[in-house]
């Protein structure tokens, strides 16, 4: 089977980029599919995650103006260029199936290219952000555009709570997986560290974690928080300034994104997540592989589909800093509780193994291709 993935780039750290790289590598290592990758703004940068050398790839070099809306005339011209270059590439490859991954203009015009080829849209954000349900007489431009998802042969969402947001779509639930493997023979010395990780963006609400730490850090002077991530420079500056205003520079550490996140997770004692929305955060799976108890806001909708409250972590009411601080404090004070939740987490994550999840993708590909 020929499988074509379409995304913007694989040069920056992020959950979508990591997940796509792992899927591509798994498919190629099975030696039964040809896999193609079309990017359109790689900008000559190296891949942030390694890719199997059997991958056939193309960069269309569209390079949208990032500081302008896609509806700006300069970007509208680029959308036309993108359409025609992608159409030529698809005609050349003649894939059996096409998967759209990123949140960029290609997802809206792809269904109109060679309609006989089955196409899948992957969604990695919550339907709260991109959903198309509702009976409103007047819909926004974004809602009208996302209604194009109905034209895909399948719309893949990451958890069952997302399905109601996409009325009229052929919606399929396939979660993320993790290929992290915990090496039980290596015994890391557990540090009194709380870890958080992700791209620095408003949806991650890392400022919440700073405010929470301000509330309790005086009671835990031997503990630290490490936040790993790169992102919007202005937001990084704002987080740094907030840390400084609370005099937390020695205990709340902003760290760049790391390729050695698993080692950091293995050494840490707790994972914390304060996002506004999370569809299915891979980093929580990676924390569970590393036997970390997790404290997370019960945001829509990923954490509740990964964490079982009080069994392998704590789900706290959304944006309730006091409750979150209480849960963190309880774990910091009780090593046996951390060990209990962490070991349960290590067992829980088995259901999200790479083999189990990729079998679901294989089934979907076969259903769409061979029913034609």
Protein backbone atom coordinates (compact mmCIF):
# COMPACT_ATOMS: atom_id res chain seq x y z
CA UNK A 1 0.00 0.00 0.00
CA UNK A 2 1.20 3.52 -0.81
CA UNK A 3 0.55 5.93 2.08
CA UNK A 4 1.08 9.69 1.70
CA UNK A 5 1.28 11.87 4.81
CA UNK A 6 0.86 15.65 4.44
CA UNK A 7 2.09 18.05 7.12
CA UNK A 8 3.76 21.43 7.34
CA UNK A 9 7.17 20.44 8.79
CA UNK A 10 9.06 18.02 11.01
CA UNK A 11 11.75 20.42 12.17
CA UNK A 12 10.35 21.58 15.53
CA UNK A 13 9.66 19.76 18.79
CA UNK A 14 6.00 18.95 19.28
CA UNK A 15 3.53 16.15 19.91
CA UNK A 16 2.24 16.07 16.32
CA UNK A 17 5.77 15.94 14.91
CA UNK A 18 6.88 13.22 17.32
CA UNK A 19 3.77 11.11 16.72
CA UNK A 20 3.99 11.34 12.94
CA UNK A 21 7.68 10.43 12.96
CA UNK A 22 6.98 7.36 15.06
CA UNK A 23 4.09 6.23 12.85
CA UNK A 24 6.18 6.59 9.70
CA UNK A 25 9.05 4.63 11.21
CA UNK A 26 6.75 1.84 12.43
CA UNK A 27 5.09 1.44 9.02
CA UNK A 28 8.41 1.34 7.18
CA UNK A 29 9.92 -1.13 9.62
CA UNK A 30 7.08 -3.56 8.87
CA UNK A 31 8.33 -3.69 5.25
CA UNK A 32 4.85 -3.97 3.75
CA UNK A 33 3.97 -0.36 2.86
CA UNK A 34 5.55 2.43 0.84
CA UNK A 35 5.40 5.66 2.84
CA UNK A 36 5.67 9.15 1.37
CA UNK A 37 5.86 12.46 3.22
CA UNK A 38 4.91 15.86 1.77
CA UNK A 39 5.92 18.90 3.80
CA UNK A 40 5.53 22.46 2.65
CA UNK A 41 7.68 24.58 4.95
CA UNK A 42 10.59 22.46 6.14
CA UNK A 43 12.84 25.42 5.21
CA UNK A 44 15.84 23.16 4.78
CA UNK A 45 15.91 22.42 8.52
CA UNK A 46 16.86 18.98 9.86
CA UNK A 47 14.18 16.72 11.28
CA UNK A 48 13.86 17.03 15.04
CA UNK A 49 13.01 13.32 15.35
CA UNK A 50 14.83 10.59 13.38
CA UNK A 51 13.12 9.12 10.32
CA UNK A 52 13.71 5.78 8.62
CA UNK A 53 15.82 6.22 5.50
CA UNK A 54 13.30 4.22 3.47
CA UNK A 55 10.93 7.20 3.62
CA UNK A 56 10.35 8.99 0.31
CA UNK A 57 9.82 12.67 0.96
CA UNK A 58 9.15 15.95 -0.78
CA UNK A 59 9.09 19.53 0.45
CA UNK A 60 6.83 21.80 -1.59
CA UNK A 61 8.53 24.95 -0.23
CA UNK A 62 5.33 26.98 0.07
CA UNK A 63 6.59 28.82 3.16
CA UNK A 64 3.56 30.79 4.28
CA UNK A 65 3.99 34.19 5.92
CA UNK A 66 3.70 33.12 9.55
CA UNK A 67 3.11 36.65 10.83
CA UNK A 68 0.00 37.07 8.67
CA UNK A 69 -3.42 35.44 8.47
CA UNK A 70 -3.90 32.71 5.87
CA UNK A 71 -6.57 35.04 4.44
CA UNK A 72 -4.01 37.78 3.77
CA UNK A 73 -3.52 38.33 0.02
CA UNK A 74 0.13 37.25 0.22
CA UNK A 75 -0.89 33.94 1.78
CA UNK A 76 -3.90 33.44 -0.50
CA UNK A 77 -1.48 33.43 -3.42
CA UNK A 78 0.57 30.81 -1.61
CA UNK A 79 -2.54 28.68 -0.98
CA UNK A 80 -3.11 28.51 -4.75
CA UNK A 81 0.52 27.56 -5.27
CA UNK A 82 0.18 24.93 -2.54
CA UNK A 83 -2.92 23.44 -4.16
CA UNK A 84 -1.38 23.02 -7.58
CA UNK A 85 1.97 21.70 -6.33
CA UNK A 86 0.28 19.15 -4.07
CA UNK A 87 -2.07 18.09 -6.87
CA UNK A 88 0.90 17.47 -9.18
CA UNK A 89 2.68 15.47 -6.48
CA UNK A 90 -0.37 13.29 -5.79
CA UNK A 91 -0.77 12.65 -9.52
CA UNK A 92 2.88 11.59 -9.67
CA UNK A 93 2.80 9.29 -6.63
CA UNK A 94 -0.73 7.91 -7.04
CA UNK A 95 -0.99 6.89 -3.38
CA UNK A 96 -3.59 4.42 -2.17
CA UNK A 97 -4.45 6.62 0.79
CA UNK A 98 -3.63 10.16 1.97
CA UNK A 99 -3.47 11.40 5.57
CA UNK A 100 -3.66 15.10 6.44
CA UNK A 101 -1.94 15.84 9.75
CA UNK A 102 -1.36 19.56 10.34
CA UNK A 103 -3.73 22.51 10.87
CA UNK A 104 -2.90 24.43 7.75
CA UNK A 105 -4.64 25.30 4.44
CA UNK A 106 -3.98 21.93 2.82
CA UNK A 107 -6.53 20.27 5.13
CA UNK A 108 -9.32 22.30 3.50
CA UNK A 109 -8.54 21.72 -0.17
CA UNK A 110 -7.14 18.18 -0.03
CA UNK A 111 -10.58 16.45 -0.30
CA UNK A 112 -11.05 18.09 -3.72
CA UNK A 113 -7.89 16.58 -5.21
CA UNK A 114 -8.33 13.20 -6.95
CA UNK A 115 -11.53 12.41 -5.09
CA UNK A 116 -11.24 8.69 -5.82
CA UNK A 117 -8.27 8.38 -3.41
CA UNK A 118 -9.42 7.78 0.20
CA UNK A 119 -8.36 10.56 2.54
CA UNK A 120 -8.07 10.74 6.32
CA UNK A 121 -7.95 13.86 8.48
CA UNK A 122 -6.11 13.47 11.79
CA UNK A 123 -7.12 15.84 14.58
CA UNK A 124 -4.78 16.50 17.50
CA UNK A 125 -6.72 19.39 19.07
CA UNK A 126 -9.95 19.28 21.01
CA UNK A 127 -13.27 19.76 19.24
CA UNK A 128 -13.84 22.66 21.61
CA UNK A 129 -11.31 24.49 19.43
CA UNK A 130 -12.08 23.11 15.96
CA UNK A 131 -15.48 21.42 16.29
CA UNK A 132 -18.33 21.79 13.79
CA UNK A 133 -21.35 20.63 15.81
CA UNK A 134 -24.20 22.93 16.72
CA UNK A 135 -27.37 24.29 15.14
CA UNK A 136 -26.42 27.95 14.89
CA UNK A 137 -27.93 29.70 11.89
CA UNK A 138 -24.79 31.73 11.34
CA UNK A 139 -21.45 29.99 11.58
CA UNK A 140 -17.98 31.51 11.73
CA UNK A 141 -15.56 31.24 8.82
CA UNK A 142 -13.60 28.65 10.79
CA UNK A 143 -16.73 26.56 11.43
CA UNK A 144 -17.64 26.69 7.74
CA UNK A 145 -14.14 25.63 6.77
CA UNK A 146 -13.97 22.77 9.27
CA UNK A 147 -17.28 21.46 7.91
CA UNK A 148 -15.09 20.31 5.00
CA UNK A 149 -13.96 17.52 7.34
CA UNK A 150 -17.22 15.80 6.37
CA UNK A 151 -15.71 15.26 2.94
CA UNK A 152 -12.91 13.08 4.32
CA UNK A 153 -13.42 9.32 4.20
CA UNK A 154 -12.48 9.23 7.88
CA UNK A 155 -11.86 11.79 10.60
CA UNK A 156 -9.59 10.37 13.29
CA UNK A 157 -9.93 11.84 16.79
CA UNK A 158 -7.95 10.85 19.83
CA UNK A 159 -10.63 10.07 22.38
CA UNK A 160 -14.35 9.28 22.56
CA UNK A 161 -15.26 12.64 24.10
CA UNK A 162 -14.33 14.38 20.84
CA UNK A 163 -16.83 12.51 18.67
CA UNK A 164 -19.90 14.71 19.40
CA UNK A 165 -18.05 17.79 18.11
CA UNK A 166 -17.94 16.45 14.57
CA UNK A 167 -21.51 15.77 13.47
CA UNK A 168 -21.86 14.32 10.01
CA UNK A 169 -18.26 13.07 9.83
CA UNK A 170 -17.13 9.46 9.60
CA UNK A 171 -15.40 9.76 12.96
CA UNK A 172 -13.00 7.08 14.20
CA UNK A 173 -11.28 7.05 17.60
CA UNK A 174 -7.61 6.04 17.55
CA UNK A 175 -5.46 7.24 20.48
CA UNK A 176 -1.82 8.23 20.46
CA UNK A 177 0.82 5.74 21.54
CA UNK A 178 4.21 5.99 23.10
CA UNK A 179 7.33 4.09 22.11
CA UNK A 180 9.08 4.97 25.35
CA UNK A 181 10.38 1.83 27.05
CA UNK A 182 11.22 2.00 30.71
CA UNK A 183 14.53 0.27 31.40
CA UNK A 184 13.86 -1.33 34.76
CA UNK A 185 17.50 -2.43 34.96
CA UNK A 186 18.57 1.22 35.17
CA UNK A 187 17.80 2.64 38.58
CA UNK A 188 17.72 6.40 38.46
CA UNK A 189 18.01 8.28 41.71
CA UNK A 190 14.65 9.97 42.13
CA UNK A 191 15.04 13.71 42.50
CA UNK A 192 12.60 15.91 44.36
CA UNK A 193 11.51 17.33 41.06
CA UNK A 194 8.15 18.05 39.47
CA UNK A 195 8.38 18.02 35.71
CA UNK A 196 6.28 19.66 32.99
CA UNK A 197 6.93 19.74 29.25
CA UNK A 198 5.42 21.04 26.04
CA UNK A 199 5.53 23.84 23.53
CA UNK A 200 5.30 27.27 25.09
CA UNK A 201 1.86 28.39 23.87
CA UNK A 202 -1.21 29.95 25.53
CA UNK A 203 -3.19 26.69 25.51
CA UNK A 204 -0.61 25.08 27.80
CA UNK A 205 -1.27 27.63 30.59
CA UNK A 206 2.16 27.18 32.14
CA UNK A 207 1.58 30.40 34.07
CA UNK A 208 -0.94 28.43 36.12
CA UNK A 209 1.82 26.13 37.33
CA UNK A 210 3.93 29.12 38.33
CA UNK A 211 1.06 30.56 40.38
CA UNK A 212 0.43 27.17 41.99
CA UNK A 213 4.10 26.78 42.89
CA UNK A 214 4.11 30.25 44.42
CA UNK A 215 1.34 29.08 46.78
CA UNK A 216 3.26 26.11 48.20
CA UNK A 217 6.98 26.38 47.48
CA UNK A 218 7.83 27.78 50.93
CA UNK A 219 6.72 24.45 52.39
CA UNK A 220 8.93 22.45 50.01
CA UNK A 221 12.24 24.27 49.79
CA UNK A 222 14.06 21.05 48.79
CA UNK A 223 11.82 20.56 45.72
CA UNK A 224 12.08 22.04 42.22
CA UNK A 225 9.90 22.33 39.13
CA UNK A 226 11.51 21.87 35.71
CA UNK A 227 9.56 23.04 32.67
CA UNK A 228 10.96 21.84 29.34
CA UNK A 229 9.81 23.54 26.17
CA UNK A 230 10.37 26.01 23.37
CA UNK A 231 7.80 28.25 21.75
CA UNK A 232 6.52 31.76 21.37
CA UNK A 233 9.34 34.12 22.44
CA UNK A 234 6.99 36.72 23.92
CA UNK A 235 5.28 34.09 26.04
CA UNK A 236 8.61 32.65 27.18
CA UNK A 237 9.60 36.15 28.31
CA UNK A 238 6.32 36.58 30.17
CA UNK A 239 6.83 33.29 32.00
CA UNK A 240 10.37 34.28 32.93
CA UNK A 241 9.16 37.63 34.23
CA UNK A 242 6.42 35.96 36.28
CA UNK A 243 8.93 33.58 37.84
CA UNK A 244 11.18 36.52 38.71
CA UNK A 245 8.33 38.57 40.18
CA UNK A 246 7.59 35.71 42.58
CA UNK A 247 11.29 35.20 43.41
CA UNK A 248 11.13 31.60 42.21
CA UNK A 249 14.24 31.60 40.00
CA UNK A 250 16.00 28.97 42.12
CA UNK A 251 13.10 26.53 42.30
CA UNK A 252 11.12 26.96 39.06
CA UNK A 253 13.45 26.29 36.14
CA UNK A 254 12.60 27.09 32.51
CA UNK A 255 14.54 24.63 30.38
CA UNK A 256 14.79 24.32 26.58
CA UNK A 257 13.06 21.40 24.89
CA UNK A 258 15.15 18.27 25.19
CA UNK A 259 15.65 15.14 23.11
CA UNK A 260 16.36 13.30 26.39
CA UNK A 261 12.96 13.82 27.96
CA UNK A 262 12.65 10.19 29.03
CA UNK A 263 15.78 10.43 31.18
CA UNK A 264 14.40 13.57 32.82
CA UNK A 265 11.09 11.81 33.47
CA UNK A 266 12.84 8.79 34.96
CA UNK A 267 14.70 11.00 37.42
CA UNK A 268 11.68 13.10 38.41
CA UNK A 269 9.04 12.29 41.05
CA UNK A 270 5.81 13.90 39.75
CA UNK A 271 4.44 15.13 36.42
CA UNK A 272 2.22 18.24 36.31
CA UNK A 273 -0.12 19.49 33.57
CA UNK A 274 -2.13 22.73 33.70
CA UNK A 275 -3.39 23.01 30.10
CA UNK A 276 -6.63 24.64 28.99
CA UNK A 277 -7.30 21.82 26.52
CA UNK A 278 -5.44 18.63 25.64
CA UNK A 279 -6.75 16.16 23.10
CA UNK A 280 -4.47 13.24 23.95
CA UNK A 281 -1.10 14.41 25.29
CA UNK A 282 1.65 11.92 24.53
CA UNK A 283 3.75 13.34 27.33
CA UNK A 284 1.30 11.87 29.85
CA UNK A 285 1.86 8.42 28.34
CA UNK A 286 5.59 8.98 28.56
CA UNK A 287 5.28 10.01 32.20
CA UNK A 288 3.32 6.84 32.90
CA UNK A 289 5.95 4.66 31.23
CA UNK A 290 8.42 6.28 33.62
CA UNK A 291 6.18 5.37 36.59
CA UNK A 292 5.38 8.98 37.41
CA UNK A 293 2.20 9.95 39.23
CA UNK A 294 0.47 12.76 37.36
CA UNK A 295 -1.41 15.79 38.64
CA UNK A 296 -3.45 17.38 35.86
CA UNK A 297 -6.29 19.80 35.36
CA UNK A 298 -9.31 17.86 34.14
CA UNK A 299 -9.31 19.82 30.89
CA UNK A 300 -11.14 18.80 27.71
CA UNK A 301 -10.60 15.95 27.13
CA UNK A 302 -7.35 14.06 26.97
CA UNK A 303 -6.20 13.70 30.59
CA UNK A 304 -9.41 11.98 31.74
CA UNK A 305 -8.96 9.42 28.96
CA UNK A 306 -5.46 8.59 30.23
CA UNK A 307 -5.48 9.16 34.00
CA UNK A 308 -7.68 7.20 36.41
CA UNK A 309 -8.21 9.56 39.32
CA UNK A 310 -6.56 8.42 42.56
CA UNK A 311 -5.33 5.23 40.89
CA UNK A 312 -2.43 6.46 38.76
CA UNK A 313 -2.71 10.22 39.29
CA UNK A 314 -4.98 13.09 40.25
CA UNK A 315 -7.45 14.94 38.05
CA UNK A 316 -8.25 18.33 39.56
CA UNK A 317 -11.04 20.77 38.64
CA UNK A 318 -10.08 22.96 35.70
CA UNK A 319 -8.15 26.10 36.70
CA UNK A 320 -8.66 25.39 40.42
CA UNK A 321 -5.22 26.32 41.70
CA UNK A 322 -6.03 25.53 45.33
CA UNK A 323 -7.11 21.97 44.55
CA UNK A 324 -4.10 21.42 42.31
CA UNK A 325 -1.74 22.76 44.98
CA UNK A 326 -3.33 20.45 47.56
CA UNK A 327 -2.85 17.41 45.30
CA UNK A 328 0.77 18.29 44.58
CA UNK A 329 1.46 18.84 48.27
CA UNK A 330 -0.04 15.48 49.18
CA UNK A 331 2.24 13.67 46.76
CA UNK A 332 5.35 15.61 47.74
CA UNK A 333 4.75 14.67 51.38
CA UNK A 334 4.08 10.97 50.75
CA UNK A 335 6.72 8.92 48.93
CA UNK A 336 4.75 5.68 49.33
CA UNK A 337 1.76 7.32 47.62
CA UNK A 338 3.97 8.47 44.77
CA UNK A 339 5.31 4.93 44.35
CA UNK A 340 1.82 3.40 44.44
CA UNK A 341 0.38 5.74 41.81
CA UNK A 342 3.54 5.51 39.71
CA UNK A 343 3.51 1.72 39.53
CA UNK A 344 -0.17 1.76 38.62
CA UNK A 345 0.65 4.27 35.88
CA UNK A 346 3.29 1.93 34.45
CA UNK A 347 0.64 -0.79 34.13
CA UNK A 348 -2.07 1.55 32.80
CA UNK A 349 -0.04 2.72 29.83
CA UNK A 350 0.28 -0.76 28.32
CA UNK A 351 -3.09 -0.26 26.58
CA UNK A 352 -1.49 2.56 24.57
CA UNK A 353 1.40 0.51 23.22
CA UNK A 354 2.66 1.21 19.72
CA UNK A 355 1.67 -2.25 18.49
CA UNK A 356 -1.91 -1.99 19.76
CA UNK A 357 -2.50 1.49 18.32
CA UNK A 358 -0.84 0.90 14.95
CA UNK A 359 -2.98 -2.23 14.49
CA UNK A 360 -5.99 0.12 14.61
CA UNK A 361 -4.44 2.33 11.94
CA UNK A 362 -3.72 -0.70 9.76
CA UNK A 363 -7.35 -1.81 10.05
CA UNK A 364 -8.58 1.66 9.05
CA UNK A 365 -6.28 1.86 6.03
CA UNK A 366 -7.45 -1.55 4.83
CA UNK A 367 -11.12 -0.71 5.33
CA UNK A 368 -10.87 2.50 3.29
CA UNK A 369 -8.63 1.20 0.51
CA UNK A 370 -10.19 -2.19 -0.15
CA UNK A 371 -13.81 -1.12 0.02
CA UNK A 372 -13.29 1.15 -2.98
